[in-house]
Amino acid sequence: MKTTLSIKVSNQEKLKLKRVAKSRNKTPSDLIREALGLVLSNPELANEGSCYAVAEDLFQYRSGNLPSDLSSRKDHLKGFGK
């Protein structure tokens, strides 16, 4: 069964993706699935750590009293969604 996954990319990335897909006679979705397969099949890439660790360089600042990844400690999630 297939499902839909949405991602946000810049206009420039979208144009590059379309150009590469066209040059390879594939759809942009085909390329994304291929890239995802490469990452998931490579243990070094698949085990990069938490989402926070992968995207840490995107954060400009961080409060010094917070753990680096709140999702790894269930006690930090108590009461969430209530």
PDB file of N, CA and C in Angstrom:
ATOM      1  N   MET A   1       0.838  -1.174   0.000  1.00  0.00           N
ATOM      2  CA  MET A   1       0.000   0.000   0.000  1.00  0.00           C
ATOM      3  C   MET A   1       0.886   1.242   0.000  1.00  0.00           C
ATOM      4  N   LYS A   2       0.568   2.182  -0.836  1.00  0.00           N
ATOM      5  CA  LYS A   2       1.319   3.437  -0.894  1.00  0.00           C
ATOM      6  C   LYS A   2       0.592   4.507  -0.100  1.00  0.00           C
ATOM      7  N   THR A   3       1.362   5.464   0.390  1.00  0.00           N
ATOM      8  CA  THR A   3       0.807   6.598   1.119  1.00  0.00           C
ATOM      9  C   THR A   3       1.519   7.863   0.638  1.00  0.00           C
ATOM     10  N   THR A   4       0.967   8.998   0.939  1.00  0.00           N
ATOM     11  CA  THR A   4       1.541  10.265   0.506  1.00  0.00           C
ATOM     12  C   THR A   4       2.399  10.857   1.604  1.00  0.00           C
ATOM     13  N   LEU A   5       3.544  11.394   1.218  1.00  0.00           N
ATOM     14  CA  LEU A   5       4.453  12.080   2.120  1.00  0.00           C
ATOM     15  C   LEU A   5       4.708  13.457   1.524  1.00  0.00           C
ATOM     16  N   SER A   6       4.506  14.499   2.291  1.00  0.00           N
ATOM     17  CA  SER A   6       4.725  15.861   1.808  1.00  0.00           C
ATOM     18  C   SER A   6       6.002  16.418   2.400  1.00  0.00           C
ATOM     19  N   ILE A   7       6.783  17.117   1.581  1.00  0.00           N
ATOM     20  CA  ILE A   7       7.987  17.784   2.058  1.00  0.00           C
ATOM     21  C   ILE A   7       7.991  19.209   1.531  1.00  0.00           C
ATOM     22  N   LYS A   8       8.690  20.067   2.228  1.00  0.00           N
ATOM     23  CA  LYS A   8       8.844  21.444   1.783  1.00  0.00           C
ATOM     24  C   LYS A   8      10.243  21.616   1.226  1.00  0.00           C
ATOM     25  N   VAL A   9      10.330  22.168   0.035  1.00  0.00           N
ATOM     26  CA  VAL A   9      11.607  22.451  -0.609  1.00  0.00           C
ATOM     27  C   VAL A   9      11.563  23.873  -1.153  1.00  0.00           C
ATOM     28  N   SER A  10      12.727  24.424  -1.402  1.00  0.00           N
ATOM     29  CA  SER A  10      12.776  25.764  -1.987  1.00  0.00           C
ATOM     30  C   SER A  10      12.375  25.679  -3.459  1.00  0.00           C
ATOM     31  N   ASN A  11      12.035  26.814  -4.029  1.00  0.00           N
ATOM     32  CA  ASN A  11      11.690  26.847  -5.456  1.00  0.00           C
ATOM     33  C   ASN A  11      12.857  26.355  -6.301  1.00  0.00           C
ATOM     34  N   GLN A  12      14.066  26.723  -5.900  1.00  0.00           N
ATOM     35  CA  GLN A  12      15.261  26.310  -6.643  1.00  0.00           C
ATOM     36  C   GLN A  12      15.436  24.788  -6.586  1.00  0.00           C
ATOM     37  N   GLU A  13      15.224  24.201  -5.406  1.00  0.00           N
ATOM     38  CA  GLU A  13      15.335  22.743  -5.277  1.00  0.00           C
ATOM     39  C   GLU A  13      14.278  22.039  -6.127  1.00  0.00           C
ATOM     40  N   LYS A  14      13.083  22.597  -6.148  1.00  0.00           N
ATOM     41  CA  LYS A  14      12.000  21.990  -6.936  1.00  0.00           C
ATOM     42  C   LYS A  14      12.339  22.024  -8.424  1.00  0.00           C
ATOM     43  N   LEU A  15      12.872  23.140  -8.886  1.00  0.00           N
ATOM     44  CA  LEU A  15      13.254  23.247 -10.302  1.00  0.00           C
ATOM     45  C   LEU A  15      14.373  22.268 -10.653  1.00  0.00           C
ATOM     46  N   LYS A  16      15.373  22.157  -9.774  1.00  0.00           N
ATOM     47  CA  LYS A  16      16.470  21.214 -10.008  1.00  0.00           C
ATOM     48  C   LYS A  16      15.943  19.781 -10.047  1.00  0.00           C
ATOM     49  N   LEU A  17      15.059  19.461  -9.116  1.00  0.00           N
ATOM     50  CA  LEU A  17      14.485  18.123  -9.065  1.00  0.00           C
ATOM     51  C   LEU A  17      13.738  17.804 -10.357  1.00  0.00           C
ATOM     52  N   LYS A  18      12.952  18.758 -10.828  1.00  0.00           N
ATOM     53  CA  LYS A  18      12.213  18.544 -12.082  1.00  0.00           C
ATOM     54  C   LYS A  18      13.161  18.351 -13.259  1.00  0.00           C
ATOM     55  N   ARG A  19      14.239  19.161 -13.316  1.00  0.00           N
ATOM     56  CA  ARG A  19      15.198  19.041 -14.421  1.00  0.00           C
ATOM     57  C   ARG A  19      15.897  17.689 -14.417  1.00  0.00           C
ATOM     58  N   VAL A  20      16.348  17.270 -13.235  1.00  0.00           N
ATOM     59  CA  VAL A  20      17.044  15.986 -13.138  1.00  0.00           C
ATOM     60  C   VAL A  20      16.088  14.847 -13.465  1.00  0.00           C
ATOM     61  N   ALA A  21      14.875  14.923 -12.956  1.00  0.00           N
ATOM     62  CA  ALA A  21      13.891  13.878 -13.235  1.00  0.00           C
ATOM     63  C   ALA A  21      13.632  13.775 -14.741  1.00  0.00           C
ATOM     64  N   LYS A  22      13.465  14.915 -15.390  1.00  0.00           N
ATOM     65  CA  LYS A  22      13.207  14.915 -16.832  1.00  0.00           C
ATOM     66  C   LYS A  22      14.396  14.330 -17.594  1.00  0.00           C
ATOM     67  N   SER A  23      15.607  14.692 -17.182  1.00  0.00           N
ATOM     68  CA  SER A  23      16.798  14.193 -17.880  1.00  0.00           C
ATOM     69  C   SER A  23      16.970  12.683 -17.712  1.00  0.00           C
ATOM     70  N   ARG A  24      16.411  12.127 -16.645  1.00  0.00           N
ATOM     71  CA  ARG A  24      16.524  10.686 -16.390  1.00  0.00           C
ATOM     72  C   ARG A  24      15.252   9.933 -16.769  1.00  0.00           C
ATOM     73  N   ASN A  25      14.311  10.636 -17.400  1.00  0.00           N
ATOM     74  CA  ASN A  25      13.022  10.046 -17.795  1.00  0.00           C
ATOM     75  C   ASN A  25      12.297   9.418 -16.609  1.00  0.00           C
ATOM     76  N   LYS A  26      12.293  10.153 -15.506  1.00  0.00           N
ATOM     77  CA  LYS A  26      11.603   9.722 -14.295  1.00  0.00           C
ATOM     78  C   LYS A  26      10.752  10.873 -13.793  1.00  0.00           C
ATOM     79  N   THR A  27       9.906  10.567 -12.817  1.00  0.00           N
ATOM     80  CA  THR A  27       9.128  11.627 -12.174  1.00  0.00           C
ATOM     81  C   THR A  27       9.899  12.122 -10.952  1.00  0.00           C
ATOM     82  N   PRO A  28       9.592  13.327 -10.489  1.00  0.00           N
ATOM     83  CA  PRO A  28      10.211  13.793  -9.246  1.00  0.00           C
ATOM     84  C   PRO A  28       9.963  12.821  -8.088  1.00  0.00           C
ATOM     85  N   SER A  29       8.783  12.238  -8.028  1.00  0.00           N
ATOM     86  CA  SER A  29       8.482  11.266  -6.970  1.00  0.00           C
ATOM     87  C   SER A  29       9.392  10.047  -7.057  1.00  0.00           C
ATOM     88  N   ASP A  30       9.683   9.601  -8.286  1.00  0.00           N
ATOM     89  CA  ASP A  30      10.600   8.469  -8.460  1.00  0.00           C
ATOM     90  C   ASP A  30      11.966   8.786  -7.852  1.00  0.00           C
ATOM     91  N   LEU A  31      12.460  10.002  -8.110  1.00  0.00           N
ATOM     92  CA  LEU A  31      13.775  10.388  -7.576  1.00  0.00           C
ATOM     93  C   LEU A  31      13.773  10.478  -6.061  1.00  0.00           C
ATOM     94  N   ILE A  32      12.701  11.021  -5.508  1.00  0.00           N
ATOM     95  CA  ILE A  32      12.603  11.132  -4.054  1.00  0.00           C
ATOM     96  C   ILE A  32      12.575   9.740  -3.425  1.00  0.00           C
ATOM     97  N   ARG A  33      11.794   8.818  -4.011  1.00  0.00           N
ATOM     98  CA  ARG A  33      11.752   7.446  -3.490  1.00  0.00           C
ATOM     99  C   ARG A  33      13.121   6.788  -3.595  1.00  0.00           C
ATOM    100  N   GLU A  34      13.821   7.033  -4.711  1.00  0.00           N
ATOM    101  CA  GLU A  34      15.164   6.473  -4.898  1.00  0.00           C
ATOM    102  C   GLU A  34      16.124   7.007  -3.832  1.00  0.00           C
ATOM    103  N   ALA A  35      16.084   8.311  -3.590  1.00  0.00           N
ATOM    104  CA  ALA A  35      16.955   8.929  -2.585  1.00  0.00           C
ATOM    105  C   ALA A  35      16.625   8.406  -1.189  1.00  0.00           C
ATOM    106  N   LEU A  36      15.351   8.284  -0.884  1.00  0.00           N
ATOM    107  CA  LEU A  36      14.932   7.761   0.410  1.00  0.00           C
ATOM    108  C   LEU A  36      15.421   6.324   0.584  1.00  0.00           C
ATOM    109  N   GLY A  37      15.315   5.541  -0.465  1.00  0.00           N
ATOM    110  CA  GLY A  37      15.803   4.169  -0.419  1.00  0.00           C
ATOM    111  C   GLY A  37      17.293   4.105  -0.151  1.00  0.00           C
ATOM    112  N   LEU A  38      18.064   5.007  -0.762  1.00  0.00           N
ATOM    113  CA  LEU A  38      19.507   5.030  -0.529  1.00  0.00           C
ATOM    114  C   LEU A  38      19.838   5.360   0.913  1.00  0.00           C
ATOM    115  N   VAL A  39      19.151   6.333   1.474  1.00  0.00           N
ATOM    116  CA  VAL A  39      19.407   6.723   2.864  1.00  0.00           C
ATOM    117  C   VAL A  39      19.012   5.601   3.810  1.00  0.00           C
ATOM    118  N   LEU A  40      17.856   4.999   3.578  1.00  0.00           N
ATOM    119  CA  LEU A  40      17.377   3.965   4.488  1.00  0.00           C
ATOM    120  C   LEU A  40      18.167   2.666   4.379  1.00  0.00           C
ATOM    121  N   SER A  41      18.773   2.420   3.239  1.00  0.00           N
ATOM    122  CA  SER A  41      19.538   1.182   3.073  1.00  0.00           C
ATOM    123  C   SER A  41      20.998   1.324   3.515  1.00  0.00           C
ATOM    124  N   ASN A  42      21.432   2.544   3.786  1.00  0.00           N
ATOM    125  CA  ASN A  42      22.802   2.789   4.217  1.00  0.00           C
ATOM    126  C   ASN A  42      22.808   2.974   5.733  1.00  0.00           C
ATOM    127  N   PRO A  43      23.335   1.991   6.468  1.00  0.00           N
ATOM    128  CA  PRO A  43      23.303   2.077   7.935  1.00  0.00           C
ATOM    129  C   PRO A  43      23.942   3.344   8.492  1.00  0.00           C
ATOM    130  N   GLU A  44      24.998   3.832   7.863  1.00  0.00           N
ATOM    131  CA  GLU A  44      25.647   5.054   8.360  1.00  0.00           C
ATOM    132  C   GLU A  44      24.721   6.253   8.245  1.00  0.00           C
ATOM    133  N   LEU A  45      23.952   6.328   7.172  1.00  0.00           N
ATOM    134  CA  LEU A  45      23.034   7.444   6.998  1.00  0.00           C
ATOM    135  C   LEU A  45      21.758   7.257   7.799  1.00  0.00           C
ATOM    136  N   ALA A  46      21.288   6.030   7.907  1.00  0.00           N
ATOM    137  CA  ALA A  46      20.034   5.765   8.594  1.00  0.00           C
ATOM    138  C   ALA A  46      20.159   5.943  10.101  1.00  0.00           C
ATOM    139  N   ASN A  47      21.352   5.862  10.661  1.00  0.00           N
ATOM    140  CA  ASN A  47      21.538   5.948  12.104  1.00  0.00           C
ATOM    141  C   ASN A  47      22.231   7.235  12.516  1.00  0.00           C
ATOM    142  N   GLU A  48      21.848   8.327  11.932  1.00  0.00           N
ATOM    143  CA  GLU A  48      22.451   9.615  12.247  1.00  0.00           C
ATOM    144  C   GLU A  48      22.060  10.114  13.637  1.00  0.00           C
ATOM    145  N   GLY A  49      21.056   9.535  14.244  1.00  0.00           N
ATOM    146  CA  GLY A  49      20.615   9.984  15.550  1.00  0.00           C
ATOM    147  C   GLY A  49      19.221  10.551  15.491  1.00  0.00           C
ATOM    148  N   SER A  50      18.919  11.422  16.416  1.00  0.00           N
ATOM    149  CA  SER A  50      17.581  11.989  16.500  1.00  0.00           C
ATOM    150  C   SER A  50      17.367  13.023  15.397  1.00  0.00           C
ATOM    151  N   CYS A  51      16.110  13.395  15.223  1.00  0.00           N
ATOM    152  CA  CYS A  51      15.790  14.462  14.268  1.00  0.00           C
ATOM    153  C   CYS A  51      16.505  15.746  14.661  1.00  0.00           C
ATOM    154  N   TYR A  52      16.565  15.983  15.972  1.00  0.00           N
ATOM    155  CA  TYR A  52      17.257  17.175  16.452  1.00  0.00           C
ATOM    156  C   TYR A  52      18.719  17.158  16.023  1.00  0.00           C
ATOM    157  N   ALA A  53      19.389  16.015  16.180  1.00  0.00           N
ATOM    158  CA  ALA A  53      20.807  15.913  15.839  1.00  0.00           C
ATOM    159  C   ALA A  53      21.032  16.158  14.350  1.00  0.00           C
ATOM    160  N   VAL A  54      20.128  15.654  13.536  1.00  0.00           N
ATOM    161  CA  VAL A  54      20.263  15.830  12.087  1.00  0.00           C
ATOM    162  C   VAL A  54      20.060  17.293  11.699  1.00  0.00           C
ATOM    163  N   ALA A  55      19.128  17.978  12.366  1.00  0.00           N
ATOM    164  CA  ALA A  55      18.785  19.357  11.989  1.00  0.00           C
ATOM    165  C   ALA A  55      19.377  20.408  12.919  1.00  0.00           C
ATOM    166  N   GLU A  56      20.280  20.017  13.794  1.00  0.00           N
ATOM    167  CA  GLU A  56      20.813  20.923  14.816  1.00  0.00           C
ATOM    168  C   GLU A  56      21.393  22.207  14.220  1.00  0.00           C
ATOM    169  N   ASP A  57      22.024  22.113  13.072  1.00  0.00           N
ATOM    170  CA  ASP A  57      22.628  23.298  12.469  1.00  0.00           C
ATOM    171  C   ASP A  57      21.586  24.315  11.995  1.00  0.00           C
ATOM    172  N   LEU A  58      20.320  23.927  11.937  1.00  0.00           N
ATOM    173  CA  LEU A  58      19.264  24.840  11.507  1.00  0.00           C
ATOM    174  C   LEU A  58      18.782  25.750  12.630  1.00  0.00           C
ATOM    175  N   PHE A  59      19.102  25.389  13.876  1.00  0.00           N
ATOM    176  CA  PHE A  59      18.655  26.168  15.017  1.00  0.00           C
ATOM    177  C   PHE A  59      19.669  27.268  15.318  1.00  0.00           C
ATOM    178  N   GLN A  60      19.171  28.490  15.441  1.00  0.00           N
ATOM    179  CA  GLN A  60      20.065  29.617  15.696  1.00  0.00           C
ATOM    180  C   GLN A  60      20.471  29.686  17.156  1.00  0.00           C
ATOM    181  N   TYR A  61      19.604  29.286  18.034  1.00  0.00           N
ATOM    182  CA  TYR A  61      19.925  29.305  19.452  1.00  0.00           C
ATOM    183  C   TYR A  61      19.114  28.222  20.146  1.00  0.00           C
ATOM    184  N   ARG A  62      19.534  27.905  21.337  1.00  0.00           N
ATOM    185  CA  ARG A  62      18.850  26.888  22.113  1.00  0.00           C
ATOM    186  C   ARG A  62      18.965  27.261  23.577  1.00  0.00           C
ATOM    187  N   SER A  63      17.901  27.096  24.313  1.00  0.00           N
ATOM    188  CA  SER A  63      17.931  27.368  25.744  1.00  0.00           C
ATOM    189  C   SER A  63      18.873  26.375  26.409  1.00  0.00           C
ATOM    190  N   GLY A  64      19.782  26.848  27.224  1.00  0.00           N
ATOM    191  CA  GLY A  64      20.784  26.000  27.838  1.00  0.00           C
ATOM    192  C   GLY A  64      20.235  24.985  28.822  1.00  0.00           C
ATOM    193  N   ASN A  65      19.007  25.183  29.313  1.00  0.00           N
ATOM    194  CA  ASN A  65      18.485  24.255  30.310  1.00  0.00           C
ATOM    195  C   ASN A  65      17.619  23.146  29.712  1.00  0.00           C
ATOM    196  N   LEU A  66      17.509  23.060  28.419  1.00  0.00           N
ATOM    197  CA  LEU A  66      16.725  22.001  27.783  1.00  0.00           C
ATOM    198  C   LEU A  66      17.631  20.879  27.300  1.00  0.00           C
ATOM    199  N   PRO A  67      17.137  19.640  27.363  1.00  0.00           N
ATOM    200  CA  PRO A  67      17.909  18.549  26.760  1.00  0.00           C
ATOM    201  C   PRO A  67      17.916  18.723  25.250  1.00  0.00           C
ATOM    202  N   SER A  68      18.877  18.120  24.580  1.00  0.00           N
ATOM    203  CA  SER A  68      18.973  18.308  23.133  1.00  0.00           C
ATOM    204  C   SER A  68      17.828  17.668  22.379  1.00  0.00           C
ATOM    205  N   ASP A  69      17.172  16.662  22.963  1.00  0.00           N
ATOM    206  CA  ASP A  69      16.080  15.989  22.266  1.00  0.00           C
ATOM    207  C   ASP A  69      14.992  15.627  23.265  1.00  0.00           C
ATOM    208  N   LEU A  70      13.945  16.426  23.311  1.00  0.00           N
ATOM    209  CA  LEU A  70      12.871  16.208  24.272  1.00  0.00           C
ATOM    210  C   LEU A  70      12.126  14.901  24.026  1.00  0.00           C
ATOM    211  N   SER A  71      12.106  14.421  22.791  1.00  0.00           N
ATOM    212  CA  SER A  71      11.342  13.221  22.480  1.00  0.00           C
ATOM    213  C   SER A  71      11.964  11.962  23.060  1.00  0.00           C
ATOM    214  N   SER A  72      13.207  12.012  23.463  1.00  0.00           N
ATOM    215  CA  SER A  72      13.865  10.815  23.983  1.00  0.00           C
ATOM    216  C   SER A  72      13.556  10.573  25.459  1.00  0.00           C
ATOM    217  N   ARG A  73      12.924  11.522  26.120  1.00  0.00           N
ATOM    218  CA  ARG A  73      12.590  11.350  27.537  1.00  0.00           C
ATOM    219  C   ARG A  73      11.099  11.549  27.732  1.00  0.00           C
ATOM    220  N   LYS A  74      10.413  10.465  28.026  1.00  0.00           N
ATOM    221  CA  LYS A  74       8.952  10.504  28.141  1.00  0.00           C
ATOM    222  C   LYS A  74       8.474  11.450  29.229  1.00  0.00           C
ATOM    223  N   ASP A  75       9.286  11.662  30.278  1.00  0.00           N
ATOM    224  CA  ASP A  75       8.848  12.550  31.356  1.00  0.00           C
ATOM    225  C   ASP A  75       8.683  13.993  30.876  1.00  0.00           C
ATOM    226  N   HIS A  76       9.377  14.373  29.808  1.00  0.00           N
ATOM    227  CA  HIS A  76       9.233  15.718  29.250  1.00  0.00           C
ATOM    228  C   HIS A  76       7.924  15.871  28.478  1.00  0.00           C
ATOM    229  N   LEU A  77       7.271  14.757  28.155  1.00  0.00           N
ATOM    230  CA  LEU A  77       6.052  14.796  27.372  1.00  0.00           C
ATOM    231  C   LEU A  77       4.807  14.637  28.227  1.00  0.00           C
ATOM    232  N   LYS A  78       4.959  14.508  29.554  1.00  0.00           N
ATOM    233  CA  LYS A  78       3.799  14.349  30.431  1.00  0.00           C
ATOM    234  C   LYS A  78       2.865  15.541  30.276  1.00  0.00           C
ATOM    235  N   GLY A  79       1.582  15.234  30.105  1.00  0.00           N
ATOM    236  CA  GLY A  79       0.570  16.287  29.977  1.00  0.00           C
ATOM    237  C   GLY A  79       0.461  16.866  28.588  1.00  0.00           C
ATOM    238  N   PHE A  80       1.323  16.447  27.676  1.00  0.00           N
ATOM    239  CA  PHE A  80       1.248  16.983  26.313  1.00  0.00           C
ATOM    240  C   PHE A  80      -0.046  16.550  25.655  1.00  0.00           C
ATOM    241  N   GLY A  81      -0.756  17.474  25.069  1.00  0.00           N
ATOM    242  CA  GLY A  81      -1.989  17.178  24.352  1.00  0.00           C
ATOM    243  C   GLY A  81      -3.242  17.159  25.199  1.00  0.00           C
ATOM    244  N   LYS A  82      -3.086  17.453  26.480  1.00  0.00           N
ATOM    245  CA  LYS A  82      -4.283  17.449  27.355  1.00  0.00           C
ATOM    246  C   LYS A  82      -4.937  18.787  27.343  1.00  0.00           C
TER     247      LYS A  82
END
